[in-house]
């Protein structure tokens, strides 16, 4: 487990940048789940750190990166965080740039982890709508990549 001070610092950092203070218990769940799956979470506040990062991502070296300049605050931020934690829970190897199965797995895990959130706060329809939007965008990216071949 993360040291208590470091854990609390990471939770507070995510809550602050994602404007998620009212959902702190769920941010804590995401941080703890990521750590249990041997992942770290980094908040990028400066665009100049890595210009190749366009949105939240899970890297091959087990890092969840949240580039706050390119993320919608509030619930979409929370859902993106849980989606990346879903990727962290996927033990299959990353073999290609786009993998629809891995993407679906990550959203399914996010949905499972968020069941207590939906029970307490609702918003299931908004989450499902976000998942649908993100999956459609992902499929467009796959189509675009395939058209380059």
Foldseek 3Di string as FASTA:
>chain_A
DPDPVVLVVVLVVLCVLQVPVVPSVLSSVLCVLLVVLVAEEEEAADCVPDVVDQAWAADQVRYTYGDSVRFHHDPRSSLSSQLRSQLSVDPDHDDDPADLVSSVSSNVRSVVSCPVVCVVPNCPVVSVVVSVVVSVVSVVVVVVVVVVD
